[in-house]
C-alpha atoms as a PDB file:
ATOM      1  CA  MET A   1      43.574  86.903 168.823  1.00  0.00           C
ATOM      2  CA  GLN A   2      40.830  85.767 171.174  1.00  0.00           C
ATOM      3  CA  PRO A   3      38.996  82.490 170.473  1.00  0.00           C
ATOM      4  CA  ALA A   4      35.538  82.929 169.031  1.00  0.00           C
ATOM      5  CA  LYS A   5      32.501  82.540 171.195  1.00  0.00           C
ATOM      6  CA  GLY A   6      31.728  78.878 171.758  1.00  0.00           C
ATOM      7  CA  ALA A   7      35.336  77.802 171.343  1.00  0.00           C
ATOM      8  CA  ARG A   8      37.339  75.792 173.834  1.00  0.00           C
ATOM      9  CA  MET A   9      41.022  75.242 174.427  1.00  0.00           C
ATOM     10  CA  LYS A  10      42.541  71.806 175.004  1.00  0.00           C
ATOM     11  CA  ASP A  11      46.095  70.656 174.389  1.00  0.00           C
ATOM     12  CA  GLY A  12      46.658  74.003 172.695  1.00  0.00           C
ATOM     13  CA  ALA A  13      43.868  73.370 170.173  1.00  0.00           C
ATOM     14  CA  ILE A  14      40.785  75.493 169.600  1.00  0.00           C
ATOM     15  CA  HIS A  15      37.531  73.623 169.145  1.00  0.00           C
ATOM     16  CA  THR A  16      35.137  75.917 167.292  1.00  0.00           C
ATOM     17  CA  LEU A  17      31.517  75.083 167.900  1.00  0.00           C
ATOM     18  CA  GLU A  18      29.863  77.256 165.303  1.00  0.00           C
ATOM     19  CA  LEU A  19      27.578  75.756 162.689  1.00  0.00           C
ATOM     20  CA  GLY A  20      29.534  73.743 160.156  1.00  0.00           C
ATOM     21  CA  ALA A  21      32.921  74.608 161.641  1.00  0.00           C
ATOM     22  CA  HIS A  22      33.484  71.048 162.879  1.00  0.00           C
ATOM     23  CA  GLU A  23      33.547  69.787 159.307  1.00  0.00           C
ATOM     24  CA  ALA A  24      36.894  71.459 158.704  1.00  0.00           C
ATOM     25  CA  ALA A  25      40.112  69.791 159.773  1.00  0.00           C
ATOM     26  CA  PRO A  26      40.810  70.226 163.495  1.00  0.00           C
ATOM     27  CA  ILE A  27      43.132  72.980 164.655  1.00  0.00           C
ATOM     28  CA  HIS A  28      45.734  70.624 166.080  1.00  0.00           C
ATOM     29  CA  GLY A  29      47.235  71.030 169.531  1.00  0.00           C
ATOM     30  CA  ARG A  30      50.689  69.959 170.706  1.00  0.00           C
ATOM     31  CA  TYR A  31      50.115  66.213 170.407  1.00  0.00           C
ATOM     32  CA  GLY A  32      48.030  66.645 167.299  1.00  0.00           C
ATOM     33  CA  ARG A  33      50.788  68.594 165.573  1.00  0.00           C
ATOM     34  CA  LEU A  34      53.284  65.870 166.445  1.00  0.00           C
ATOM     35  CA  LEU A  35      50.974  63.188 165.063  1.00  0.00           C
ATOM     36  CA  LEU A  36      50.299  65.301 161.970  1.00  0.00           C
ATOM     37  CA  SER A  37      54.049  65.715 161.373  1.00  0.00           C
ATOM     38  CA  ILE A  38      54.589  61.960 161.575  1.00  0.00           C
ATOM     39  CA  CYS A  39      51.671  61.341 159.202  1.00  0.00           C
ATOM     40  CA  ARG A  40      53.058  63.931 156.799  1.00  0.00           C
ATOM     41  CA  GLY A  41      56.457  62.223 156.896  1.00  0.00           C
ATOM     42  CA  PHE A  42      54.841  58.891 156.034  1.00  0.00           C
ATOM     43  CA  ALA A  43      52.957  60.535 153.153  1.00  0.00           C
ATOM     44  CA  LEU A  44      56.141  62.120 151.816  1.00  0.00           C
ATOM     45  CA  GLY A  45      57.850  58.755 152.013  1.00  0.00           C
ATOM     46  CA  GLY A  46      54.969  57.170 150.121  1.00  0.00           C
ATOM     47  CA  GLY A  47      55.199  59.884 147.489  1.00  0.00           C
ATOM     48  CA  ALA A  48      58.932  59.260 147.083  1.00  0.00           C
ATOM     49  CA  ILE A  49      58.239  55.561 146.564  1.00  0.00           C
ATOM     50  CA  PHE A  50      55.629  56.319 143.905  1.00  0.00           C
ATOM     51  CA  VAL A  51      57.991  58.718 142.107  1.00  0.00           C
ATOM     52  CA  SER A  52      60.655  56.010 142.124  1.00  0.00           C
ATOM     53  CA  LEU A  53      58.151  53.498 140.767  1.00  0.00           C
ATOM     54  CA  VAL A  54      57.155  55.859 137.963  1.00  0.00           C
ATOM     55  CA  PHE A  55      60.816  56.345 137.020  1.00  0.00           C
ATOM     56  CA  MET A  56      61.404  52.590 137.132  1.00  0.00           C
ATOM     57  CA  SER A  57      58.342  51.997 134.973  1.00  0.00           C
ATOM     58  CA  LEU A  58      59.515  54.533 132.368  1.00  0.00           C
ATOM     59  CA  VAL A  59      62.961  52.932 132.228  1.00  0.00           C
ATOM     60  CA  SER A  60      61.352  49.508 131.845  1.00  0.00           C
ATOM     61  CA  ILE A  61      58.991  50.636 129.077  1.00  0.00           C
ATOM     62  CA  ILE A  62      61.720  52.416 127.130  1.00  0.00           C
ATOM     63  CA  GLY A  63      64.059  49.472 127.598  1.00  0.00           C
ATOM     64  CA  ARG A  64      61.399  47.042 126.422  1.00  0.00           C
ATOM     65  CA  LYS A  65      60.502  49.053 123.306  1.00  0.00           C
ATOM     66  CA  LEU A  66      63.980  50.136 122.208  1.00  0.00           C
ATOM     67  CA  PHE A  67      66.335  47.460 123.468  1.00  0.00           C
ATOM     68  CA  SER A  68      64.081  44.501 124.355  1.00  0.00           C
ATOM     69  CA  ALA A  69      65.487  44.810 127.872  1.00  0.00           C
ATOM     70  CA  PRO A  70      62.844  45.765 130.448  1.00  0.00           C
ATOM     71  CA  VAL A  71      63.618  46.053 134.139  1.00  0.00           C
ATOM     72  CA  PRO A  72      63.495  42.466 135.453  1.00  0.00           C
ATOM     73  CA  GLY A  73      60.462  41.892 137.661  1.00  0.00           C
ATOM     74  CA  ASP A  74      59.114  45.390 137.085  1.00  0.00           C
ATOM     75  CA  LEU A  75      55.535  44.284 137.721  1.00  0.00           C
ATOM     76  CA  GLU A  76      56.470  42.661 141.013  1.00  0.00           C
ATOM     77  CA  ILE A  77      58.348  45.767 142.117  1.00  0.00           C
ATOM     78  CA  MET A  78      55.361  47.908 141.122  1.00  0.00           C
ATOM     79  CA  GLN A  79      52.914  45.736 143.049  1.00  0.00           C
ATOM     80  CA  MET A  80      54.937  45.612 146.253  1.00  0.00           C
ATOM     81  CA  GLY A  81      55.968  49.271 146.143  1.00  0.00           C
ATOM     82  CA  SER A  82      52.453  50.510 145.400  1.00  0.00           C
ATOM     83  CA  ALA A  83      51.032  48.585 148.343  1.00  0.00           C
ATOM     84  CA  VAL A  84      53.543  50.096 150.762  1.00  0.00           C
ATOM     85  CA  ALA A  85      53.244  53.614 149.324  1.00  0.00           C
ATOM     86  CA  GLY A  86      49.448  53.543 149.223  1.00  0.00           C
ATOM     87  CA  ALA A  87      49.258  52.519 152.881  1.00  0.00           C
ATOM     88  CA  ALA A  88      51.637  55.351 153.797  1.00  0.00           C
ATOM     89  CA  PHE A  89      49.159  57.957 152.498  1.00  0.00           C
ATOM     90  CA  LEU A  90      46.250  56.788 154.644  1.00  0.00           C
ATOM     91  CA  PRO A  91      47.279  58.283 158.021  1.00  0.00           C
ATOM     92  CA  TYR A  92      47.773  61.775 156.588  1.00  0.00           C
ATOM     93  CA  CYS A  93      44.504  61.520 154.690  1.00  0.00           C
ATOM     94  CA  GLU A  94      42.735  60.716 157.959  1.00  0.00           C
ATOM     95  CA  MET A  95      44.596  63.279 160.048  1.00  0.00           C
ATOM     96  CA  ALA A  96      43.838  66.037 157.539  1.00  0.00           C
ATOM     97  CA  GLN A  97      40.261  64.686 157.171  1.00  0.00           C
ATOM     98  CA  LYS A  98      40.442  64.472 153.386  1.00  0.00           C
ATOM     99  CA  HIS A  99      38.434  61.272 153.049  1.00  0.00           C
ATOM    100  CA  LEU A 100      35.407  61.379 150.792  1.00  0.00           C
ATOM    101  CA  ARG A 101      32.310  62.284 152.762  1.00  0.00           C
ATOM    102  CA  VAL A 102      28.657  61.879 151.802  1.00  0.00           C
ATOM    103  CA  ASP A 103      26.747  64.322 154.006  1.00  0.00           C
ATOM    104  CA  PHE A 104      23.497  64.619 152.069  1.00  0.00           C
ATOM    105  CA  PHE A 105      21.428  63.181 154.929  1.00  0.00           C
ATOM    106  CA  THR A 106      23.253  65.040 157.699  1.00  0.00           C
ATOM    107  CA  ALA A 107      23.622  68.501 156.149  1.00  0.00           C
ATOM    108  CA  ASN A 108      20.637  69.884 158.084  1.00  0.00           C
ATOM    109  CA  MET A 109      21.596  68.365 161.433  1.00  0.00           C
ATOM    110  CA  SER A 110      22.967  70.473 164.257  1.00  0.00           C
ATOM    111  CA  PRO A 111      26.761  70.663 164.667  1.00  0.00           C
ATOM    112  CA  ARG A 112      26.464  68.607 167.857  1.00  0.00           C
ATOM    113  CA  ARG A 113      24.613  65.743 166.167  1.00  0.00           C
ATOM    114  CA  ARG A 114      26.999  65.760 163.213  1.00  0.00           C
ATOM    115  CA  ALA A 115      29.897  65.679 165.669  1.00  0.00           C
ATOM    116  CA  VAL A 116      28.381  62.571 167.291  1.00  0.00           C
ATOM    117  CA  LEU A 117      28.249  60.843 163.908  1.00  0.00           C
ATOM    118  CA  ASP A 118      31.757  61.994 163.007  1.00  0.00           C
ATOM    119  CA  ALA A 119      33.158  60.741 166.314  1.00  0.00           C
ATOM    120  CA  GLY A 120      31.539  57.357 165.736  1.00  0.00           C
ATOM    121  CA  ALA A 121      32.862  57.204 162.174  1.00  0.00           C
ATOM    122  CA  HIS A 122      36.420  57.960 163.271  1.00  0.00           C
ATOM    123  CA  PHE A 123      36.196  55.396 166.061  1.00  0.00           C
ATOM    124  CA  LEU A 124      35.030  52.788 163.552  1.00  0.00           C
ATOM    125  CA  LEU A 125      37.838  53.676 161.162  1.00  0.00           C
ATOM    126  CA  SER A 126      40.346  53.370 163.993  1.00  0.00           C
ATOM    127  CA  ALA A 127      38.970  49.968 164.985  1.00  0.00           C
ATOM    128  CA  VAL A 128      39.090  48.698 161.396  1.00  0.00           C
ATOM    129  CA  ALA A 129      42.670  49.982 161.033  1.00  0.00           C
ATOM    130  CA  VAL A 130      43.679  48.060 164.172  1.00  0.00           C
ATOM    131  CA  ILE A 131      42.121  44.857 162.815  1.00  0.00           C
ATOM    132  CA  VAL A 132      43.744  45.287 159.396  1.00  0.00           C
ATOM    133  CA  ALA A 133      47.125  46.062 161.004  1.00  0.00           C
ATOM    134  CA  TRP A 134      46.821  42.945 163.174  1.00  0.00           C
ATOM    135  CA  ARG A 135      45.946  40.686 160.253  1.00  0.00           C
ATOM    136  CA  THR A 136      48.624  42.252 158.032  1.00  0.00           C
ATOM    137  CA  ALA A 137      51.233  41.634 160.728  1.00  0.00           C
ATOM    138  CA  ALA A 138      49.999  38.043 161.026  1.00  0.00           C
ATOM    139  CA  GLU A 139      50.267  37.634 157.253  1.00  0.00           C
ATOM    140  CA  ALA A 140      53.813  39.037 157.246  1.00  0.00           C
ATOM    141  CA  THR A 141      54.774  36.604 160.011  1.00  0.00           C
ATOM    142  CA  SER A 142      53.281  33.708 158.065  1.00  0.00           C
ATOM    143  CA  LEU A 143      55.130  34.745 154.900  1.00  0.00           C
ATOM    144  CA  TYR A 144      58.385  34.966 156.844  1.00  0.00           C
ATOM    145  CA  GLU A 145      57.956  31.526 158.380  1.00  0.00           C
ATOM    146  CA  SER A 146      56.995  29.903 155.073  1.00  0.00           C
ATOM    147  CA  GLY A 147      59.666  31.730 153.062  1.00  0.00           C
ATOM    148  CA  VAL A 148      57.291  32.752 150.247  1.00  0.00           C
ATOM    149  CA  ALA A 149      59.153  34.620 147.498  1.00  0.00           C
ATOM    150  CA  SER A 150      58.138  36.444 144.323  1.00  0.00           C
ATOM    151  CA  MET A 151      58.200  34.458 141.092  1.00  0.00           C
ATOM    152  CA  MET A 152      60.460  36.643 138.921  1.00  0.00           C
ATOM    153  CA  LEU A 153      62.901  38.158 141.399  1.00  0.00           C
ATOM    154  CA  SER A 154      62.695  35.559 144.168  1.00  0.00           C
ATOM    155  CA  TRP A 155      62.344  38.405 146.674  1.00  0.00           C
ATOM    156  CA  GLN A 156      60.930  37.518 150.068  1.00  0.00           C
ATOM    157  CA  MET A 157      57.347  38.790 150.319  1.00  0.00           C
ATOM    158  CA  TRP A 158      57.204  39.458 154.048  1.00  0.00           C
ATOM    159  CA  PRO A 159      59.188  42.761 154.078  1.00  0.00           C
ATOM    160  CA  ALA A 160      56.718  44.491 151.756  1.00  0.00           C
ATOM    161  CA  THR A 161      53.743  43.143 153.690  1.00  0.00           C
ATOM    162  CA  GLY A 162      55.255  44.021 157.052  1.00  0.00           C
ATOM    163  CA  SER A 163      56.128  47.531 155.865  1.00  0.00           C
ATOM    164  CA  MET A 164      52.417  48.354 155.675  1.00  0.00           C
ATOM    165  CA  VAL A 165      51.847  47.665 159.380  1.00  0.00           C
ATOM    166  CA  PRO A 166      53.330  50.947 160.749  1.00  0.00           C
ATOM    167  CA  SER A 167      51.143  52.965 158.382  1.00  0.00           C
ATOM    168  CA  LEU A 168      48.046  51.083 159.493  1.00  0.00           C
ATOM    169  CA  VAL A 169      48.900  51.584 163.176  1.00  0.00           C
ATOM    170  CA  LEU A 170      49.405  55.291 162.503  1.00  0.00           C
ATOM    171  CA  LEU A 171      46.047  55.365 160.716  1.00  0.00           C
ATOM    172  CA  ALA A 172      44.420  53.911 163.832  1.00  0.00           C
ATOM    173  CA  LEU A 173      46.032  56.588 166.015  1.00  0.00           C
ATOM    174  CA  ALA A 174      44.909  59.355 163.645  1.00  0.00           C
ATOM    175  CA  GLY A 175      41.352  58.031 163.679  1.00  0.00           C
ATOM    176  CA  LEU A 176      41.407  57.896 167.479  1.00  0.00           C
ATOM    177  CA  TYR A 177      42.682  61.463 167.686  1.00  0.00           C
ATOM    178  CA  ASN A 178      39.915  62.738 165.420  1.00  0.00           C
ATOM    179  CA  ALA A 179      37.300  60.745 167.316  1.00  0.00           C
ATOM    180  CA  PHE A 180      38.268  62.381 170.608  1.00  0.00           C
ATOM    181  CA  TYR A 181      38.353  65.762 168.882  1.00  0.00           C
ATOM    182  CA  TYR A 182      34.699  65.398 167.907  1.00  0.00           C
ATOM    183  CA  LEU A 183      33.786  63.984 171.298  1.00  0.00           C
ATOM    184  CA  GLY A 184      35.123  67.228 172.723  1.00  0.00           C
ATOM    185  CA  ILE A 185      32.688  69.125 170.523  1.00  0.00           C
ATOM    186  CA  VAL A 186      29.838  66.866 171.647  1.00  0.00           C
ATOM    187  CA  ARG A 187      30.714  67.462 175.288  1.00  0.00           C
ATOM    188  CA  ASP A 188      31.103  71.235 175.056  1.00  0.00           C
ATOM    189  CA  TYR A 189      28.360  72.143 172.619  1.00  0.00           C
ATOM    190  CA  PRO A 190      25.168  73.092 174.522  1.00  0.00           C
ATOM    191  CA  LEU A 191      22.529  70.416 174.128  1.00  0.00           C
ATOM    192  CA  SER A 192      19.767  73.004 173.924  1.00  0.00           C
ATOM    193  CA  ALA A 193      21.616  74.923 171.218  1.00  0.00           C
ATOM    194  CA  GLY A 194      22.144  71.722 169.280  1.00  0.00           C
ATOM    195  CA  ASN A 195      18.458  70.843 169.469  1.00  0.00           C
ATOM    196  CA  GLY A 196      17.467  74.323 168.440  1.00  0.00           C
ATOM    197  CA  ALA A 197      19.765  74.336 165.450  1.00  0.00           C
ATOM    198  CA  ALA A 198      18.249  71.121 164.198  1.00  0.00           C
ATOM    199  CA  LYS A 199      14.763  72.538 164.022  1.00  0.00           C
END
């Protein structure tokens, strides 16, 4: 199948430049597919953690009601596990471009102008993810050095905090990938066509 008019090939990916097409998730190339696979693996791991937490919570509730024997420290386990699992979903959400989007003010813009805004948004998300990853790593290091432990189980807190860092780094890489994807649209979309579409 031949690429549609106004499409370009890079890294095995097709960038479609038709009106509104850029709002869909990118057609990933070789590196994009690798990054997407890693993000999907993180998301599956996060889902497995949540399923385990749900099972643990059910056992704790039933044990509390029927035998007065809940799972010790169930709330602490839930808090730490949810933080790690929630962070693991973020890279896939970004890579698949499933974040909530409010496009009321940009719906009538040309694809090129929307691509400029999208590229900037993904760059900002990537920058924020880098900052959050940095500060989370610093917090994990501080918790390790101070030996802070949970109250009920006396578990060290730094492993749960540090486990969020890889997900945040992956989120930054996904945001950077999407930013360059939209910059490719900005570069290849004819400026005159973009201005005409906005009229």
